[in-house]
């Protein structure tokens, strides 16, 4: 996995070098324990550490970004982009 994108408070952040499942478990455990600070990267190019306060009611999305685009994965996608499905 290339990185995990984080959307919080209408802003975009990222986390690198982590497994999606591990991050999700960390967030869930932190939310159970109470307010939780999640360390993320802010900015592009040279990253800066940012800390997001996670509490009940805060909207947060975590989106895994794969290393490469695997291409069409279904017959429907193949039909939509005009390429024949050969499988």
PDB file of N, CA and C in Angstrom:
ATOM      1  N   UNK A   1       0.832  -1.168   0.000  1.00  0.00           N
ATOM      2  CA  UNK A   1       0.000   0.000   0.000  1.00  0.00           C
ATOM      3  C   UNK A   1       0.884   1.241   0.000  1.00  0.00           C
ATOM      4  N   UNK A   2       0.568   2.151  -0.866  1.00  0.00           N
ATOM      5  CA  UNK A   2       1.355   3.369  -1.015  1.00  0.00           C
ATOM      6  C   UNK A   2       1.205   4.279   0.204  1.00  0.00           C
ATOM      7  N   UNK A   3      -0.045   4.552   0.581  1.00  0.00           N
ATOM      8  CA  UNK A   3      -0.319   5.403   1.732  1.00  0.00           C
ATOM      9  C   UNK A   3      -1.790   5.231   2.095  1.00  0.00           C
ATOM     10  N   UNK A   4      -2.179   5.889   3.176  1.00  0.00           N
ATOM     11  CA  UNK A   4      -3.578   5.944   3.558  1.00  0.00           C
ATOM     12  C   UNK A   4      -3.956   7.419   3.623  1.00  0.00           C
ATOM     13  N   UNK A   5      -4.953   7.801   2.853  1.00  0.00           N
ATOM     14  CA  UNK A   5      -5.441   9.174   2.890  1.00  0.00           C
ATOM     15  C   UNK A   5      -6.417   9.319   4.045  1.00  0.00           C
ATOM     16  N   UNK A   6      -6.355  10.470   4.697  1.00  0.00           N
ATOM     17  CA  UNK A   6      -7.219  10.778   5.828  1.00  0.00           C
ATOM     18  C   UNK A   6      -7.984  12.055   5.486  1.00  0.00           C
ATOM     19  N   UNK A   7      -9.285  12.029   5.642  1.00  0.00           N
ATOM     20  CA  UNK A   7     -10.112  13.221   5.462  1.00  0.00           C
ATOM     21  C   UNK A   7     -10.743  13.544   6.809  1.00  0.00           C
ATOM     22  N   UNK A   8     -10.453  14.750   7.305  1.00  0.00           N
ATOM     23  CA  UNK A   8     -10.854  15.160   8.647  1.00  0.00           C
ATOM     24  C   UNK A   8     -11.165  16.652   8.616  1.00  0.00           C
ATOM     25  N   UNK A   9     -12.353  17.024   9.050  1.00  0.00           N
ATOM     26  CA  UNK A   9     -12.711  18.443   9.096  1.00  0.00           C
ATOM     27  C   UNK A   9     -12.612  19.154   7.757  1.00  0.00           C
ATOM     28  N   UNK A  10     -12.881  18.432   6.672  1.00  0.00           N
ATOM     29  CA  UNK A  10     -12.814  19.028   5.350  1.00  0.00           C
ATOM     30  C   UNK A  10     -11.404  19.168   4.798  1.00  0.00           C
ATOM     31  N   UNK A  11     -10.426  18.683   5.511  1.00  0.00           N
ATOM     32  CA  UNK A  11      -9.026  18.770   5.080  1.00  0.00           C
ATOM     33  C   UNK A  11      -8.487  17.383   4.740  1.00  0.00           C
ATOM     34  N   UNK A  12      -7.413  17.355   3.946  1.00  0.00           N
ATOM     35  CA  UNK A  12      -6.784  16.105   3.508  1.00  0.00           C
ATOM     36  C   UNK A  12      -5.441  15.931   4.204  1.00  0.00           C
ATOM     37  N   UNK A  13      -5.219  14.738   4.746  1.00  0.00           N
ATOM     38  CA  UNK A  13      -3.962  14.369   5.388  1.00  0.00           C
ATOM     39  C   UNK A  13      -3.597  12.983   4.865  1.00  0.00           C
ATOM     40  N   UNK A  14      -2.441  12.456   5.274  1.00  0.00           N
ATOM     41  CA  UNK A  14      -2.064  11.106   4.856  1.00  0.00           C
ATOM     42  C   UNK A  14      -1.206  10.438   5.927  1.00  0.00           C
ATOM     43  N   UNK A  15      -1.107   9.132   5.798  1.00  0.00           N
ATOM     44  CA  UNK A  15      -0.244   8.321   6.656  1.00  0.00           C
ATOM     45  C   UNK A  15       0.467   7.339   5.751  1.00  0.00           C
ATOM     46  N   UNK A  16       1.771   7.217   5.898  1.00  0.00           N
ATOM     47  CA  UNK A  16       2.549   6.273   5.099  1.00  0.00           C
ATOM     48  C   UNK A  16       3.161   5.196   5.985  1.00  0.00           C
ATOM     49  N   UNK A  17       3.514   4.077   5.374  1.00  0.00           N
ATOM     50  CA  UNK A  17       4.214   3.016   6.084  1.00  0.00           C
ATOM     51  C   UNK A  17       3.372   2.274   7.100  1.00  0.00           C
ATOM     52  N   UNK A  18       2.065   2.285   6.939  1.00  0.00           N
ATOM     53  CA  UNK A  18       1.170   1.594   7.864  1.00  0.00           C
ATOM     54  C   UNK A  18       0.233   0.693   7.084  1.00  0.00           C
ATOM     55  N   UNK A  19      -0.208  -0.367   7.728  1.00  0.00           N
ATOM     56  CA  UNK A  19      -1.240  -1.226   7.149  1.00  0.00           C
ATOM     57  C   UNK A  19      -2.607  -0.637   7.484  1.00  0.00           C
ATOM     58  N   UNK A  20      -3.509  -0.661   6.523  1.00  0.00           N
ATOM     59  CA  UNK A  20      -4.857  -0.130   6.713  1.00  0.00           C
ATOM     60  C   UNK A  20      -5.541  -0.760   7.927  1.00  0.00           C
ATOM     61  N   UNK A  21      -5.455  -2.084   8.027  1.00  0.00           N
ATOM     62  CA  UNK A  21      -6.126  -2.790   9.121  1.00  0.00           C
ATOM     63  C   UNK A  21      -5.571  -2.362  10.478  1.00  0.00           C
ATOM     64  N   UNK A  22      -4.249  -2.173  10.565  1.00  0.00           N
ATOM     65  CA  UNK A  22      -3.634  -1.756  11.826  1.00  0.00           C
ATOM     66  C   UNK A  22      -4.092  -0.349  12.215  1.00  0.00           C
ATOM     67  N   UNK A  23      -4.148   0.549  11.250  1.00  0.00           N
ATOM     68  CA  UNK A  23      -4.580   1.914  11.531  1.00  0.00           C
ATOM     69  C   UNK A  23      -6.034   1.926  11.985  1.00  0.00           C
ATOM     70  N   UNK A  24      -6.869   1.185  11.318  1.00  0.00           N
ATOM     71  CA  UNK A  24      -8.282   1.121  11.690  1.00  0.00           C
ATOM     72  C   UNK A  24      -8.456   0.603  13.114  1.00  0.00           C
ATOM     73  N   UNK A  25      -7.721  -0.446  13.454  1.00  0.00           N
ATOM     74  CA  UNK A  25      -7.788  -0.988  14.820  1.00  0.00           C
ATOM     75  C   UNK A  25      -7.293   0.039  15.839  1.00  0.00           C
ATOM     76  N   UNK A  26      -6.226   0.764  15.515  1.00  0.00           N
ATOM     77  CA  UNK A  26      -5.694   1.795  16.409  1.00  0.00           C
ATOM     78  C   UNK A  26      -6.736   2.888  16.658  1.00  0.00           C
ATOM     79  N   UNK A  27      -7.404   3.326  15.600  1.00  0.00           N
ATOM     80  CA  UNK A  27      -8.425   4.367  15.729  1.00  0.00           C
ATOM     81  C   UNK A  27      -9.586   3.867  16.574  1.00  0.00           C
ATOM     82  N   UNK A  28     -10.051   2.659  16.308  1.00  0.00           N
ATOM     83  CA  UNK A  28     -11.172   2.107  17.071  1.00  0.00           C
ATOM     84  C   UNK A  28     -10.824   1.983  18.548  1.00  0.00           C
ATOM     85  N   UNK A  29      -9.627   1.491  18.866  1.00  0.00           N
ATOM     86  CA  UNK A  29      -9.203   1.355  20.262  1.00  0.00           C
ATOM     87  C   UNK A  29      -9.080   2.726  20.925  1.00  0.00           C
ATOM     88  N   UNK A  30      -8.547   3.698  20.203  1.00  0.00           N
ATOM     89  CA  UNK A  30      -8.426   5.043  20.747  1.00  0.00           C
ATOM     90  C   UNK A  30      -9.767   5.678  21.030  1.00  0.00           C
ATOM     91  N   UNK A  31     -10.744   5.450  20.171  1.00  0.00           N
ATOM     92  CA  UNK A  31     -12.076   6.008  20.371  1.00  0.00           C
ATOM     93  C   UNK A  31     -12.767   5.372  21.580  1.00  0.00           C
ATOM     94  N   UNK A  32     -12.537   4.093  21.817  1.00  0.00           N
ATOM     95  CA  UNK A  32     -13.123   3.425  22.974  1.00  0.00           C
ATOM     96  C   UNK A  32     -12.535   3.988  24.264  1.00  0.00           C
ATOM     97  N   UNK A  33     -11.232   4.277  24.249  1.00  0.00           N
ATOM     98  CA  UNK A  33     -10.541   4.766  25.442  1.00  0.00           C
ATOM     99  C   UNK A  33     -10.912   6.217  25.765  1.00  0.00           C
ATOM    100  N   UNK A  34     -11.419   6.959  24.803  1.00  0.00           N
ATOM    101  CA  UNK A  34     -11.764   8.363  25.032  1.00  0.00           C
ATOM    102  C   UNK A  34     -11.153   9.224  23.956  1.00  0.00           C
ATOM    103  N   UNK A  35     -11.095  10.528  24.147  1.00  0.00           N
ATOM    104  CA  UNK A  35     -10.466  11.376  23.124  1.00  0.00           C
ATOM    105  C   UNK A  35      -9.075  10.854  22.781  1.00  0.00           C
ATOM    106  N   UNK A  36      -8.765  10.884  21.491  1.00  0.00           N
ATOM    107  CA  UNK A  36      -7.532  10.258  21.004  1.00  0.00           C
ATOM    108  C   UNK A  36      -6.886  11.163  19.971  1.00  0.00           C
ATOM    109  N   UNK A  37      -5.582  11.333  20.043  1.00  0.00           N
ATOM    110  CA  UNK A  37      -4.820  12.116  19.065  1.00  0.00           C
ATOM    111  C   UNK A  37      -4.183  11.173  18.050  1.00  0.00           C
ATOM    112  N   UNK A  38      -4.497  11.362  16.781  1.00  0.00           N
ATOM    113  CA  UNK A  38      -3.944  10.563  15.695  1.00  0.00           C
ATOM    114  C   UNK A  38      -2.881  11.382  14.981  1.00  0.00           C
ATOM    115  N   UNK A  39      -1.667  10.855  14.882  1.00  0.00           N
ATOM    116  CA  UNK A  39      -0.596  11.563  14.173  1.00  0.00           C
ATOM    117  C   UNK A  39      -0.666  11.240  12.685  1.00  0.00           C
ATOM    118  N   UNK A  40      -0.685  12.291  11.878  1.00  0.00           N
ATOM    119  CA  UNK A  40      -0.792  12.176  10.421  1.00  0.00           C
ATOM    120  C   UNK A  40       0.222  13.105   9.772  1.00  0.00           C
ATOM    121  N   UNK A  41       0.343  13.014   8.442  1.00  0.00           N
ATOM    122  CA  UNK A  41       1.196  13.924   7.673  1.00  0.00           C
ATOM    123  C   UNK A  41       0.341  15.033   7.083  1.00  0.00           C
ATOM    124  N   UNK A  42       0.851  16.240   7.158  1.00  0.00           N
ATOM    125  CA  UNK A  42       0.180  17.404   6.589  1.00  0.00           C
ATOM    126  C   UNK A  42       1.068  17.989   5.499  1.00  0.00           C
ATOM    127  N   UNK A  43       0.465  18.325   4.379  1.00  0.00           N
ATOM    128  CA  UNK A  43       1.218  18.948   3.293  1.00  0.00           C
ATOM    129  C   UNK A  43       1.701  17.936   2.276  1.00  0.00           C
ATOM    130  N   UNK A  44       2.178  18.479   1.152  1.00  0.00           N
ATOM    131  CA  UNK A  44       2.731  17.640   0.098  1.00  0.00           C
ATOM    132  C   UNK A  44       4.175  18.040  -0.110  1.00  0.00           C
ATOM    133  N   UNK A  45       4.958  17.133  -0.627  1.00  0.00           N
ATOM    134  CA  UNK A  45       6.399  17.392  -0.742  1.00  0.00           C
ATOM    135  C   UNK A  45       7.039  17.099   0.601  1.00  0.00           C
ATOM    136  N   UNK A  46       7.426  18.131   1.311  1.00  0.00           N
ATOM    137  CA  UNK A  46       7.987  17.935   2.644  1.00  0.00           C
ATOM    138  C   UNK A  46       6.838  17.825   3.645  1.00  0.00           C
ATOM    139  N   UNK A  47       6.735  16.670   4.268  1.00  0.00           N
ATOM    140  CA  UNK A  47       5.639  16.422   5.191  1.00  0.00           C
ATOM    141  C   UNK A  47       5.917  17.047   6.557  1.00  0.00           C
ATOM    142  N   UNK A  48       4.835  17.496   7.180  1.00  0.00           N
ATOM    143  CA  UNK A  48       4.878  17.988   8.553  1.00  0.00           C
ATOM    144  C   UNK A  48       3.927  17.143   9.367  1.00  0.00           C
ATOM    145  N   UNK A  49       4.298  16.840  10.602  1.00  0.00           N
ATOM    146  CA  UNK A  49       3.412  16.075  11.477  1.00  0.00           C
ATOM    147  C   UNK A  49       2.255  16.956  11.919  1.00  0.00           C
ATOM    148  N   UNK A  50       1.078  16.374  11.912  1.00  0.00           N
ATOM    149  CA  UNK A  50      -0.119  17.028  12.440  1.00  0.00           C
ATOM    150  C   UNK A  50      -0.795  16.023  13.357  1.00  0.00           C
ATOM    151  N   UNK A  51      -1.533  16.516  14.316  1.00  0.00           N
ATOM    152  CA  UNK A  51      -2.225  15.644  15.265  1.00  0.00           C
ATOM    153  C   UNK A  51      -3.710  15.984  15.227  1.00  0.00           C
ATOM    154  N   UNK A  52      -4.523  14.968  14.930  1.00  0.00           N
ATOM    155  CA  UNK A  52      -5.962  15.151  14.818  1.00  0.00           C
ATOM    156  C   UNK A  52      -6.631  14.599  16.070  1.00  0.00           C
ATOM    157  N   UNK A  53      -7.474  15.404  16.700  1.00  0.00           N
ATOM    158  CA  UNK A  53      -8.191  14.966  17.888  1.00  0.00           C
ATOM    159  C   UNK A  53      -9.445  14.211  17.460  1.00  0.00           C
ATOM    160  N   UNK A  54      -9.508  12.934  17.808  1.00  0.00           N
ATOM    161  CA  UNK A  54     -10.647  12.094  17.453  1.00  0.00           C
ATOM    162  C   UNK A  54     -11.554  11.950  18.668  1.00  0.00           C
ATOM    163  N   UNK A  55     -12.796  12.350  18.494  1.00  0.00           N
ATOM    164  CA  UNK A  55     -13.812  12.247  19.538  1.00  0.00           C
ATOM    165  C   UNK A  55     -15.108  11.783  18.889  1.00  0.00           C
ATOM    166  N   UNK A  56     -16.065  11.295  19.678  1.00  0.00           N
ATOM    167  CA  UNK A  56     -17.353  10.908  19.087  1.00  0.00           C
ATOM    168  C   UNK A  56     -17.969  12.082  18.336  1.00  0.00           C
ATOM    169  N   UNK A  57     -18.513  11.797  17.160  1.00  0.00           N
ATOM    170  CA  UNK A  57     -19.157  12.817  16.353  1.00  0.00           C
ATOM    171  C   UNK A  57     -18.252  13.488  15.337  1.00  0.00           C
ATOM    172  N   UNK A  58     -16.941  13.286  15.439  1.00  0.00           N
ATOM    173  CA  UNK A  58     -16.012  13.872  14.470  1.00  0.00           C
ATOM    174  C   UNK A  58     -16.024  13.013  13.211  1.00  0.00           C
ATOM    175  N   UNK A  59     -16.207  13.654  12.062  1.00  0.00           N
ATOM    176  CA  UNK A  59     -16.214  12.907  10.809  1.00  0.00           C
ATOM    177  C   UNK A  59     -14.792  12.630  10.365  1.00  0.00           C
ATOM    178  N   UNK A  60     -14.515  11.369  10.090  1.00  0.00           N
ATOM    179  CA  UNK A  60     -13.187  10.918   9.687  1.00  0.00           C
ATOM    180  C   UNK A  60     -13.351   9.841   8.623  1.00  0.00           C
ATOM    181  N   UNK A  61     -12.567   9.949   7.562  1.00  0.00           N
ATOM    182  CA  UNK A  61     -12.544   8.910   6.530  1.00  0.00           C
ATOM    183  C   UNK A  61     -11.113   8.471   6.347  1.00  0.00           C
ATOM    184  N   UNK A  62     -10.894   7.159   6.265  1.00  0.00           N
ATOM    185  CA  UNK A  62      -9.571   6.616   5.955  1.00  0.00           C
ATOM    186  C   UNK A  62      -9.702   5.843   4.644  1.00  0.00           C
ATOM    187  N   UNK A  63      -8.823   6.185   3.691  1.00  0.00           N
ATOM    188  CA  UNK A  63      -8.923   5.641   2.338  1.00  0.00           C
ATOM    189  C   UNK A  63      -7.583   5.045   1.936  1.00  0.00           C
ATOM    190  N   UNK A  64      -7.491   3.709   1.791  1.00  0.00           N
ATOM    191  CA  UNK A  64      -6.228   3.122   1.356  1.00  0.00           C
ATOM    192  C   UNK A  64      -5.931   3.470  -0.099  1.00  0.00           C
ATOM    193  N   UNK A  65      -4.682   3.828  -0.376  1.00  0.00           N
ATOM    194  CA  UNK A  65      -4.249   4.150  -1.738  1.00  0.00           C
ATOM    195  C   UNK A  65      -3.268   3.058  -2.163  1.00  0.00           C
ATOM    196  N   UNK A  66      -3.644   2.218  -3.125  1.00  0.00           N
ATOM    197  CA  UNK A  66      -2.767   1.124  -3.545  1.00  0.00           C
ATOM    198  C   UNK A  66      -1.528   1.636  -4.287  1.00  0.00           C
ATOM    199  N   UNK A  67      -0.503   0.788  -4.358  1.00  0.00           N
ATOM    200  CA  UNK A  67       0.728   1.134  -5.063  1.00  0.00           C
ATOM    201  C   UNK A  67       0.485   1.366  -6.542  1.00  0.00           C
ATOM    202  N   UNK A  68      -0.328   0.529  -7.165  1.00  0.00           N
ATOM    203  CA  UNK A  68      -0.594   0.625  -8.600  1.00  0.00           C
ATOM    204  C   UNK A  68      -2.061   0.395  -8.856  1.00  0.00           C
ATOM    205  N   UNK A  69      -2.561   0.965  -9.962  1.00  0.00           N
ATOM    206  CA  UNK A  69      -3.923   0.721 -10.391  1.00  0.00           C
ATOM    207  C   UNK A  69      -3.965  -0.655 -11.047  1.00  0.00           C
ATOM    208  N   UNK A  70      -4.761  -1.603 -10.500  1.00  0.00           N
ATOM    209  CA  UNK A  70      -4.795  -2.950 -11.061  1.00  0.00           C
ATOM    210  C   UNK A  70      -5.544  -3.056 -12.380  1.00  0.00           C
ATOM    211  N   UNK A  71      -6.198  -1.995 -12.821  1.00  0.00           N
ATOM    212  CA  UNK A  71      -6.946  -2.050 -14.068  1.00  0.00           C
ATOM    213  C   UNK A  71      -8.353  -2.542 -13.817  1.00  0.00           C
ATOM    214  N   UNK A  72      -9.125  -2.788 -14.897  1.00  0.00           N
ATOM    215  CA  UNK A  72     -10.512  -3.224 -14.752  1.00  0.00           C
ATOM    216  C   UNK A  72     -10.598  -4.536 -13.986  1.00  0.00           C
ATOM    217  N   UNK A  73     -11.568  -4.597 -13.060  1.00  0.00           N
ATOM    218  CA  UNK A  73     -11.700  -5.808 -12.253  1.00  0.00           C
ATOM    219  C   UNK A  73     -13.022  -6.506 -12.476  1.00  0.00           C
ATOM    220  N   UNK A  74     -13.843  -6.009 -13.392  1.00  0.00           N
ATOM    221  CA  UNK A  74     -15.120  -6.675 -13.629  1.00  0.00           C
ATOM    222  C   UNK A  74     -15.550  -6.479 -15.081  1.00  0.00           C
ATOM    223  N   UNK A  75     -16.527  -7.275 -15.480  1.00  0.00           N
ATOM    224  CA  UNK A  75     -17.083  -7.143 -16.827  1.00  0.00           C
ATOM    225  C   UNK A  75     -17.715  -5.775 -17.010  1.00  0.00           C
ATOM    226  N   UNK A  76     -18.404  -5.256 -15.973  1.00  0.00           N
ATOM    227  CA  UNK A  76     -19.061  -3.965 -16.073  1.00  0.00           C
ATOM    228  C   UNK A  76     -18.046  -2.861 -16.317  1.00  0.00           C
ATOM    229  N   UNK A  77     -16.945  -2.869 -15.584  1.00  0.00           N
ATOM    230  CA  UNK A  77     -15.924  -1.849 -15.779  1.00  0.00           C
ATOM    231  C   UNK A  77     -15.341  -1.932 -17.186  1.00  0.00           C
ATOM    232  N   UNK A  78     -15.143  -3.147 -17.687  1.00  0.00           N
ATOM    233  CA  UNK A  78     -14.613  -3.311 -19.039  1.00  0.00           C
ATOM    234  C   UNK A  78     -15.581  -2.747 -20.067  1.00  0.00           C
ATOM    235  N   UNK A  79     -16.870  -2.997 -19.862  1.00  0.00           N
ATOM    236  CA  UNK A  79     -17.868  -2.487 -20.803  1.00  0.00           C
ATOM    237  C   UNK A  79     -17.936  -0.973 -20.748  1.00  0.00           C
ATOM    238  N   UNK A  80     -17.800  -0.402 -19.546  1.00  0.00           N
ATOM    239  CA  UNK A  80     -17.885   1.044 -19.401  1.00  0.00           C
ATOM    240  C   UNK A  80     -16.738   1.756 -20.109  1.00  0.00           C
ATOM    241  N   UNK A  81     -15.545   1.170 -20.099  1.00  0.00           N
ATOM    242  CA  UNK A  81     -14.419   1.868 -20.716  1.00  0.00           C
ATOM    243  C   UNK A  81     -14.150   1.371 -22.143  1.00  0.00           C
ATOM    244  N   UNK A  82     -15.025   0.517 -22.670  1.00  0.00           N
ATOM    245  CA  UNK A  82     -14.944   0.139 -24.068  1.00  0.00           C
ATOM    246  C   UNK A  82     -13.930  -0.951 -24.396  1.00  0.00           C
ATOM    247  N   UNK A  83     -13.361  -1.604 -23.395  1.00  0.00           N
ATOM    248  CA  UNK A  83     -12.412  -2.682 -23.676  1.00  0.00           C
ATOM    249  C   UNK A  83     -13.110  -4.023 -23.497  1.00  0.00           C
ATOM    250  N   UNK A  84     -12.826  -4.977 -24.358  1.00  0.00           N
ATOM    251  CA  UNK A  84     -13.471  -6.280 -24.226  1.00  0.00           C
ATOM    252  C   UNK A  84     -12.898  -7.040 -23.030  1.00  0.00           C
ATOM    253  N   UNK A  85     -13.766  -7.827 -22.395  1.00  0.00           N
ATOM    254  CA  UNK A  85     -13.342  -8.692 -21.293  1.00  0.00           C
ATOM    255  C   UNK A  85     -12.896 -10.024 -21.881  1.00  0.00           C
ATOM    256  N   UNK A  86     -11.661 -10.410 -21.634  1.00  0.00           N
ATOM    257  CA  UNK A  86     -11.119 -11.635 -22.239  1.00  0.00           C
ATOM    258  C   UNK A  86     -11.037 -12.774 -21.250  1.00  0.00           C
ATOM    259  N   UNK A  87     -11.618 -12.653 -20.092  1.00  0.00           N
ATOM    260  CA  UNK A  87     -11.488 -13.671 -19.058  1.00  0.00           C
ATOM    261  C   UNK A  87     -12.579 -14.578 -19.082  1.00  0.00           C
TER     262      UNK A  87
END
